[in-house]
Amino acid sequence: MKIDEGLKQLEEITKRLEDENIPLEEAIELFEKGITIAAAIKESLDQAKLKVKQVLEKADGTFELSDFDLSQ
């Protein structure tokens, strides 16, 4: 699942769940669907995190790829 598509679906689900007139059964189904989508988004983000690399220039002028570290 693409992250942006999943987020859009979660927004739509949230809007439906905010409706006070939604039947309980439908609300439960939407909630379960939202949890499933959120888990898929998390998995996609975890995979994307593994792919993020940064290019570092060495002292000799060459470059190397290394994992991106947010703490730097």
PDB file of N, CA and C in Angstrom:
ATOM      1  N   MET A   1       0.845  -1.182   0.000  1.00  0.00           N
ATOM      2  CA  MET A   1       0.000   0.000   0.000  1.00  0.00           C
ATOM      3  C   MET A   1       0.886   1.239   0.000  1.00  0.00           C
ATOM      4  N   LYS A   2       0.530   2.191  -0.841  1.00  0.00           N
ATOM      5  CA  LYS A   2       1.254   3.448  -0.849  1.00  0.00           C
ATOM      6  C   LYS A   2       0.862   4.253   0.386  1.00  0.00           C
ATOM      7  N   ILE A   3       1.831   4.903   0.970  1.00  0.00           N
ATOM      8  CA  ILE A   3       1.611   5.630   2.216  1.00  0.00           C
ATOM      9  C   ILE A   3       0.558   6.712   2.042  1.00  0.00           C
ATOM     10  N   ASP A   4       0.666   7.505   0.976  1.00  0.00           N
ATOM     11  CA  ASP A   4      -0.285   8.600   0.788  1.00  0.00           C
ATOM     12  C   ASP A   4      -1.711   8.098   0.561  1.00  0.00           C
ATOM     13  N   GLU A   5      -1.851   6.970  -0.119  1.00  0.00           N
ATOM     14  CA  GLU A   5      -3.182   6.390  -0.318  1.00  0.00           C
ATOM     15  C   GLU A   5      -3.761   5.908   1.012  1.00  0.00           C
ATOM     16  N   GLY A   6      -2.925   5.271   1.812  1.00  0.00           N
ATOM     17  CA  GLY A   6      -3.366   4.789   3.117  1.00  0.00           C
ATOM     18  C   GLY A   6      -3.782   5.924   4.030  1.00  0.00           C
ATOM     19  N   LEU A   7      -3.009   7.006   4.014  1.00  0.00           N
ATOM     20  CA  LEU A   7      -3.357   8.158   4.849  1.00  0.00           C
ATOM     21  C   LEU A   7      -4.682   8.774   4.412  1.00  0.00           C
ATOM     22  N   LYS A   8      -4.906   8.821   3.110  1.00  0.00           N
ATOM     23  CA  LYS A   8      -6.170   9.357   2.597  1.00  0.00           C
ATOM     24  C   LYS A   8      -7.335   8.483   3.061  1.00  0.00           C
ATOM     25  N   GLN A   9      -7.150   7.162   2.996  1.00  0.00           N
ATOM     26  CA  GLN A   9      -8.201   6.250   3.452  1.00  0.00           C
ATOM     27  C   GLN A   9      -8.466   6.431   4.944  1.00  0.00           C
ATOM     28  N   LEU A  10      -7.403   6.613   5.724  1.00  0.00           N
ATOM     29  CA  LEU A  10      -7.584   6.827   7.163  1.00  0.00           C
ATOM     30  C   LEU A  10      -8.339   8.121   7.442  1.00  0.00           C
ATOM     31  N   GLU A  11      -8.058   9.159   6.669  1.00  0.00           N
ATOM     32  CA  GLU A  11      -8.790  10.420   6.829  1.00  0.00           C
ATOM     33  C   GLU A  11     -10.280  10.221   6.549  1.00  0.00           C
ATOM     34  N   GLU A  12     -10.593   9.479   5.489  1.00  0.00           N
ATOM     35  CA  GLU A  12     -11.992   9.214   5.147  1.00  0.00           C
ATOM     36  C   GLU A  12     -12.680   8.404   6.246  1.00  0.00           C
ATOM     37  N   ILE A  13     -11.987   7.417   6.767  1.00  0.00           N
ATOM     38  CA  ILE A  13     -12.545   6.600   7.848  1.00  0.00           C
ATOM     39  C   ILE A  13     -12.780   7.456   9.084  1.00  0.00           C
ATOM     40  N   THR A  14     -11.829   8.308   9.399  1.00  0.00           N
ATOM     41  CA  THR A  14     -11.961   9.178  10.566  1.00  0.00           C
ATOM     42  C   THR A  14     -13.178  10.082  10.433  1.00  0.00           C
ATOM     43  N   LYS A  15     -13.369  10.656   9.257  1.00  0.00           N
ATOM     44  CA  LYS A  15     -14.540  11.518   9.033  1.00  0.00           C
ATOM     45  C   LYS A  15     -15.834  10.748   9.246  1.00  0.00           C
ATOM     46  N   ARG A  16     -15.881   9.512   8.735  1.00  0.00           N
ATOM     47  CA  ARG A  16     -17.093   8.696   8.918  1.00  0.00           C
ATOM     48  C   ARG A  16     -17.314   8.362  10.391  1.00  0.00           C
ATOM     49  N   LEU A  17     -16.240   8.058  11.100  1.00  0.00           N
ATOM     50  CA  LEU A  17     -16.375   7.700  12.511  1.00  0.00           C
ATOM     51  C   LEU A  17     -16.785   8.892  13.373  1.00  0.00           C
ATOM     52  N   GLU A  18     -16.501  10.096  12.909  1.00  0.00           N
ATOM     53  CA  GLU A  18     -16.891  11.297  13.656  1.00  0.00           C
ATOM     54  C   GLU A  18     -18.384  11.584  13.544  1.00  0.00           C
ATOM     55  N   ASP A  19     -19.056  10.946  12.605  1.00  0.00           N
ATOM     56  CA  ASP A  19     -20.498  11.113  12.435  1.00  0.00           C
ATOM     57  C   ASP A  19     -21.213  10.425  13.595  1.00  0.00           C
ATOM     58  N   GLU A  20     -21.956  11.193  14.358  1.00  0.00           N
ATOM     59  CA  GLU A  20     -22.641  10.643  15.531  1.00  0.00           C
ATOM     60  C   GLU A  20     -23.760   9.667  15.158  1.00  0.00           C
ATOM     61  N   ASN A  21     -24.220   9.719  13.921  1.00  0.00           N
ATOM     62  CA  ASN A  21     -25.340   8.876  13.500  1.00  0.00           C
ATOM     63  C   ASN A  21     -24.911   7.566  12.851  1.00  0.00           C
ATOM     64  N   ILE A  22     -23.632   7.265  12.877  1.00  0.00           N
ATOM     65  CA  ILE A  22     -23.144   6.036  12.252  1.00  0.00           C
ATOM     66  C   ILE A  22     -23.571   4.834  13.110  1.00  0.00           C
ATOM     67  N   PRO A  23     -24.111   3.798  12.471  1.00  0.00           N
ATOM     68  CA  PRO A  23     -24.484   2.594  13.225  1.00  0.00           C
ATOM     69  C   PRO A  23     -23.250   1.940  13.864  1.00  0.00           C
ATOM     70  N   LEU A  24     -23.447   1.359  15.017  1.00  0.00           N
ATOM     71  CA  LEU A  24     -22.348   0.750  15.766  1.00  0.00           C
ATOM     72  C   LEU A  24     -21.613  -0.304  14.943  1.00  0.00           C
ATOM     73  N   GLU A  25     -22.339  -1.145  14.241  1.00  0.00           N
ATOM     74  CA  GLU A  25     -21.713  -2.204  13.450  1.00  0.00           C
ATOM     75  C   GLU A  25     -20.793  -1.619  12.379  1.00  0.00           C
ATOM     76  N   GLU A  26     -21.270  -0.561  11.720  1.00  0.00           N
ATOM     77  CA  GLU A  26     -20.452   0.084  10.690  1.00  0.00           C
ATOM     78  C   GLU A  26     -19.225   0.745  11.312  1.00  0.00           C
ATOM     79  N   ALA A  27     -19.403   1.355  12.478  1.00  0.00           N
ATOM     80  CA  ALA A  27     -18.282   1.995  13.164  1.00  0.00           C
ATOM     81  C   ALA A  27     -17.209   0.971  13.521  1.00  0.00           C
ATOM     82  N   ILE A  28     -17.626  -0.186  13.990  1.00  0.00           N
ATOM     83  CA  ILE A  28     -16.670  -1.237  14.347  1.00  0.00           C
ATOM     84  C   ILE A  28     -15.929  -1.727  13.109  1.00  0.00           C
ATOM     85  N   GLU A  29     -16.650  -1.922  12.008  1.00  0.00           N
ATOM     86  CA  GLU A  29     -16.013  -2.356  10.759  1.00  0.00           C
ATOM     87  C   GLU A  29     -14.999  -1.321  10.271  1.00  0.00           C
ATOM     88  N   LEU A  30     -15.384  -0.049  10.320  1.00  0.00           N
ATOM     89  CA  LEU A  30     -14.472   1.014   9.893  1.00  0.00           C
ATOM     90  C   LEU A  30     -13.246   1.084  10.796  1.00  0.00           C
ATOM     91  N   PHE A  31     -13.464   0.917  12.097  1.00  0.00           N
ATOM     92  CA  PHE A  31     -12.348   0.939  13.043  1.00  0.00           C
ATOM     93  C   PHE A  31     -11.365  -0.187  12.733  1.00  0.00           C
ATOM     94  N   GLU A  32     -11.882  -1.386  12.502  1.00  0.00           N
ATOM     95  CA  GLU A  32     -11.020  -2.528  12.176  1.00  0.00           C
ATOM     96  C   GLU A  32     -10.262  -2.287  10.876  1.00  0.00           C
ATOM     97  N   LYS A  33     -10.950  -1.730   9.883  1.00  0.00           N
ATOM     98  CA  LYS A  33     -10.300  -1.417   8.611  1.00  0.00           C
ATOM     99  C   LYS A  33      -9.202  -0.377   8.830  1.00  0.00           C
ATOM    100  N   GLY A  34      -9.479   0.617   9.665  1.00  0.00           N
ATOM    101  CA  GLY A  34      -8.488   1.647   9.965  1.00  0.00           C
ATOM    102  C   GLY A  34      -7.250   1.076  10.632  1.00  0.00           C
ATOM    103  N   ILE A  35      -7.439   0.159  11.553  1.00  0.00           N
ATOM    104  CA  ILE A  35      -6.307  -0.484  12.228  1.00  0.00           C
ATOM    105  C   ILE A  35      -5.464  -1.258  11.217  1.00  0.00           C
ATOM    106  N   THR A  36      -6.115  -1.957  10.302  1.00  0.00           N
ATOM    107  CA  THR A  36      -5.405  -2.713   9.269  1.00  0.00           C
ATOM    108  C   THR A  36      -4.609  -1.777   8.363  1.00  0.00           C
ATOM    109  N   ILE A  37      -5.225  -0.678   7.962  1.00  0.00           N
ATOM    110  CA  ILE A  37      -4.545   0.294   7.105  1.00  0.00           C
ATOM    111  C   ILE A  37      -3.370   0.923   7.842  1.00  0.00           C
ATOM    112  N   ALA A  38      -3.567   1.278   9.108  1.00  0.00           N
ATOM    113  CA  ALA A  38      -2.486   1.878   9.896  1.00  0.00           C
ATOM    114  C   ALA A  38      -1.296   0.927  10.008  1.00  0.00           C
ATOM    115  N   ALA A  39      -1.564  -0.353  10.183  1.00  0.00           N
ATOM    116  CA  ALA A  39      -0.479  -1.338  10.263  1.00  0.00           C
ATOM    117  C   ALA A  39       0.265  -1.432   8.933  1.00  0.00           C
ATOM    118  N   ALA A  40      -0.472  -1.372   7.824  1.00  0.00           N
ATOM    119  CA  ALA A  40       0.160  -1.423   6.502  1.00  0.00           C
ATOM    120  C   ALA A  40       1.016  -0.182   6.263  1.00  0.00           C
ATOM    121  N   ILE A  41       0.527   0.970   6.705  1.00  0.00           N
ATOM    122  CA  ILE A  41       1.302   2.208   6.569  1.00  0.00           C
ATOM    123  C   ILE A  41       2.580   2.118   7.387  1.00  0.00           C
ATOM    124  N   LYS A  42       2.477   1.608   8.609  1.00  0.00           N
ATOM    125  CA  LYS A  42       3.664   1.466   9.456  1.00  0.00           C
ATOM    126  C   LYS A  42       4.689   0.561   8.788  1.00  0.00           C
ATOM    127  N   GLU A  43       4.233  -0.527   8.210  1.00  0.00           N
ATOM    128  CA  GLU A  43       5.138  -1.452   7.519  1.00  0.00           C
ATOM    129  C   GLU A  43       5.813  -0.757   6.340  1.00  0.00           C
ATOM    130  N   SER A  44       5.045   0.016   5.587  1.00  0.00           N
ATOM    131  CA  SER A  44       5.612   0.756   4.452  1.00  0.00           C
ATOM    132  C   SER A  44       6.645   1.769   4.920  1.00  0.00           C
ATOM    133  N   LEU A  45       6.352   2.455   6.018  1.00  0.00           N
ATOM    134  CA  LEU A  45       7.303   3.430   6.561  1.00  0.00           C
ATOM    135  C   LEU A  45       8.572   2.750   7.063  1.00  0.00           C
ATOM    136  N   ASP A  46       8.413   1.601   7.702  1.00  0.00           N
ATOM    137  CA  ASP A  46       9.583   0.857   8.172  1.00  0.00           C
ATOM    138  C   ASP A  46      10.467   0.434   6.999  1.00  0.00           C
ATOM    139  N   GLN A  47       9.839  -0.008   5.913  1.00  0.00           N
ATOM    140  CA  GLN A  47      10.604  -0.404   4.731  1.00  0.00           C
ATOM    141  C   GLN A  47      11.289   0.801   4.098  1.00  0.00           C
ATOM    142  N   ALA A  48      10.591   1.924   4.053  1.00  0.00           N
ATOM    143  CA  ALA A  48      11.173   3.138   3.479  1.00  0.00           C
ATOM    144  C   ALA A  48      12.367   3.599   4.307  1.00  0.00           C
ATOM    145  N   LYS A  49      12.254   3.466   5.611  1.00  0.00           N
ATOM    146  CA  LYS A  49      13.347   3.875   6.498  1.00  0.00           C
ATOM    147  C   LYS A  49      14.616   3.082   6.191  1.00  0.00           C
ATOM    148  N   LEU A  50      14.456   1.800   5.892  1.00  0.00           N
ATOM    149  CA  LEU A  50      15.610   0.967   5.579  1.00  0.00           C
ATOM    150  C   LEU A  50      16.267   1.373   4.267  1.00  0.00           C
ATOM    151  N   LYS A  51      15.488   1.971   3.376  1.00  0.00           N
ATOM    152  CA  LYS A  51      16.006   2.348   2.068  1.00  0.00           C
ATOM    153  C   LYS A  51      16.688   3.713   2.059  1.00  0.00           C
ATOM    154  N   VAL A  52      16.408   4.519   3.069  1.00  0.00           N
ATOM    155  CA  VAL A  52      16.966   5.871   3.084  1.00  0.00           C
ATOM    156  C   VAL A  52      18.464   5.787   3.339  1.00  0.00           C
ATOM    157  N   LYS A  53      19.199   6.375   2.454  1.00  0.00           N
ATOM    158  CA  LYS A  53      20.662   6.376   2.557  1.00  0.00           C
ATOM    159  C   LYS A  53      21.154   7.812   2.443  1.00  0.00           C
ATOM    160  N   GLN A  54      22.348   8.038   2.901  1.00  0.00           N
ATOM    161  CA  GLN A  54      22.976   9.330   2.708  1.00  0.00           C
ATOM    162  C   GLN A  54      24.338   9.124   2.072  1.00  0.00           C
ATOM    163  N   VAL A  55      24.741  10.095   1.312  1.00  0.00           N
ATOM    164  CA  VAL A  55      26.039  10.039   0.654  1.00  0.00           C
ATOM    165  C   VAL A  55      27.016  10.835   1.509  1.00  0.00           C
ATOM    166  N   LEU A  56      28.100  10.195   1.892  1.00  0.00           N
ATOM    167  CA  LEU A  56      29.130  10.843   2.695  1.00  0.00           C
ATOM    168  C   LEU A  56      30.401  10.982   1.875  1.00  0.00           C
ATOM    169  N   GLU A  57      31.000  12.157   1.953  1.00  0.00           N
ATOM    170  CA  GLU A  57      32.265  12.373   1.261  1.00  0.00           C
ATOM    171  C   GLU A  57      33.401  12.049   2.219  1.00  0.00           C
ATOM    172  N   LYS A  58      34.308  11.190   1.757  1.00  0.00           N
ATOM    173  CA  LYS A  58      35.469  10.814   2.557  1.00  0.00           C
ATOM    174  C   LYS A  58      36.559  11.869   2.396  1.00  0.00           C
ATOM    175  N   ALA A  59      37.557  11.796   3.256  1.00  0.00           N
ATOM    176  CA  ALA A  59      38.668  12.746   3.222  1.00  0.00           C
ATOM    177  C   ALA A  59      39.430  12.693   1.899  1.00  0.00           C
ATOM    178  N   ASP A  60      39.458  11.524   1.256  1.00  0.00           N
ATOM    179  CA  ASP A  60      40.197  11.399  -0.008  1.00  0.00           C
ATOM    180  C   ASP A  60      39.381  11.859  -1.222  1.00  0.00           C
ATOM    181  N   GLY A  61      38.179  12.399  -0.986  1.00  0.00           N
ATOM    182  CA  GLY A  61      37.362  12.923  -2.071  1.00  0.00           C
ATOM    183  C   GLY A  61      36.391  11.932  -2.676  1.00  0.00           C
ATOM    184  N   THR A  62      36.456  10.668  -2.263  1.00  0.00           N
ATOM    185  CA  THR A  62      35.503   9.679  -2.756  1.00  0.00           C
ATOM    186  C   THR A  62      34.238   9.722  -1.901  1.00  0.00           C
ATOM    187  N   PHE A  63      33.229   9.052  -2.391  1.00  0.00           N
ATOM    188  CA  PHE A  63      31.950   9.051  -1.683  1.00  0.00           C
ATOM    189  C   PHE A  63      31.566   7.639  -1.283  1.00  0.00           C
ATOM    190  N   GLU A  64      30.769   7.546  -0.223  1.00  0.00           N
ATOM    191  CA  GLU A  64      30.240   6.254   0.205  1.00  0.00           C
ATOM    192  C   GLU A  64      28.793   6.434   0.641  1.00  0.00           C
ATOM    193  N   LEU A  65      28.031   5.370   0.499  1.00  0.00           N
ATOM    194  CA  LEU A  65      26.658   5.364   0.982  1.00  0.00           C
ATOM    195  C   LEU A  65      26.638   4.781   2.383  1.00  0.00           C
ATOM    196  N   SER A  66      25.850   5.384   3.244  1.00  0.00           N
ATOM    197  CA  SER A  66      25.674   4.823   4.579  1.00  0.00           C
ATOM    198  C   SER A  66      24.226   5.027   4.993  1.00  0.00           C
ATOM    199  N   ASP A  67      23.824   4.295   6.019  1.00  0.00           N
ATOM    200  CA  ASP A  67      22.465   4.453   6.520  1.00  0.00           C
ATOM    201  C   ASP A  67      22.281   5.864   7.039  1.00  0.00           C
ATOM    202  N   PHE A  68      21.099   6.395   6.813  1.00  0.00           N
ATOM    203  CA  PHE A  68      20.786   7.738   7.273  1.00  0.00           C
ATOM    204  C   PHE A  68      20.522   7.688   8.765  1.00  0.00           C
ATOM    205  N   ASP A  69      21.163   8.560   9.507  1.00  0.00           N
ATOM    206  CA  ASP A  69      21.010   8.615  10.958  1.00  0.00           C
ATOM    207  C   ASP A  69      20.384   9.951  11.324  1.00  0.00           C
ATOM    208  N   LEU A  70      19.166   9.912  11.843  1.00  0.00           N
ATOM    209  CA  LEU A  70      18.464  11.142  12.197  1.00  0.00           C
ATOM    210  C   LEU A  70      19.111  11.877  13.357  1.00  0.00           C
ATOM    211  N   SER A  71      19.937  11.211  14.130  1.00  0.00           N
ATOM    212  CA  SER A  71      20.541  11.846  15.303  1.00  0.00           C
ATOM    213  C   SER A  71      21.727  12.720  14.949  1.00  0.00           C
ATOM    214  N   GLN A  72      22.172  12.686  13.698  1.00  0.00           N
ATOM    215  CA  GLN A  72      23.335  13.481  13.307  1.00  0.00           C
ATOM    216  C   GLN A  72      22.971  14.932  13.147  1.00  0.00           C
TER     217      GLN A  72
END
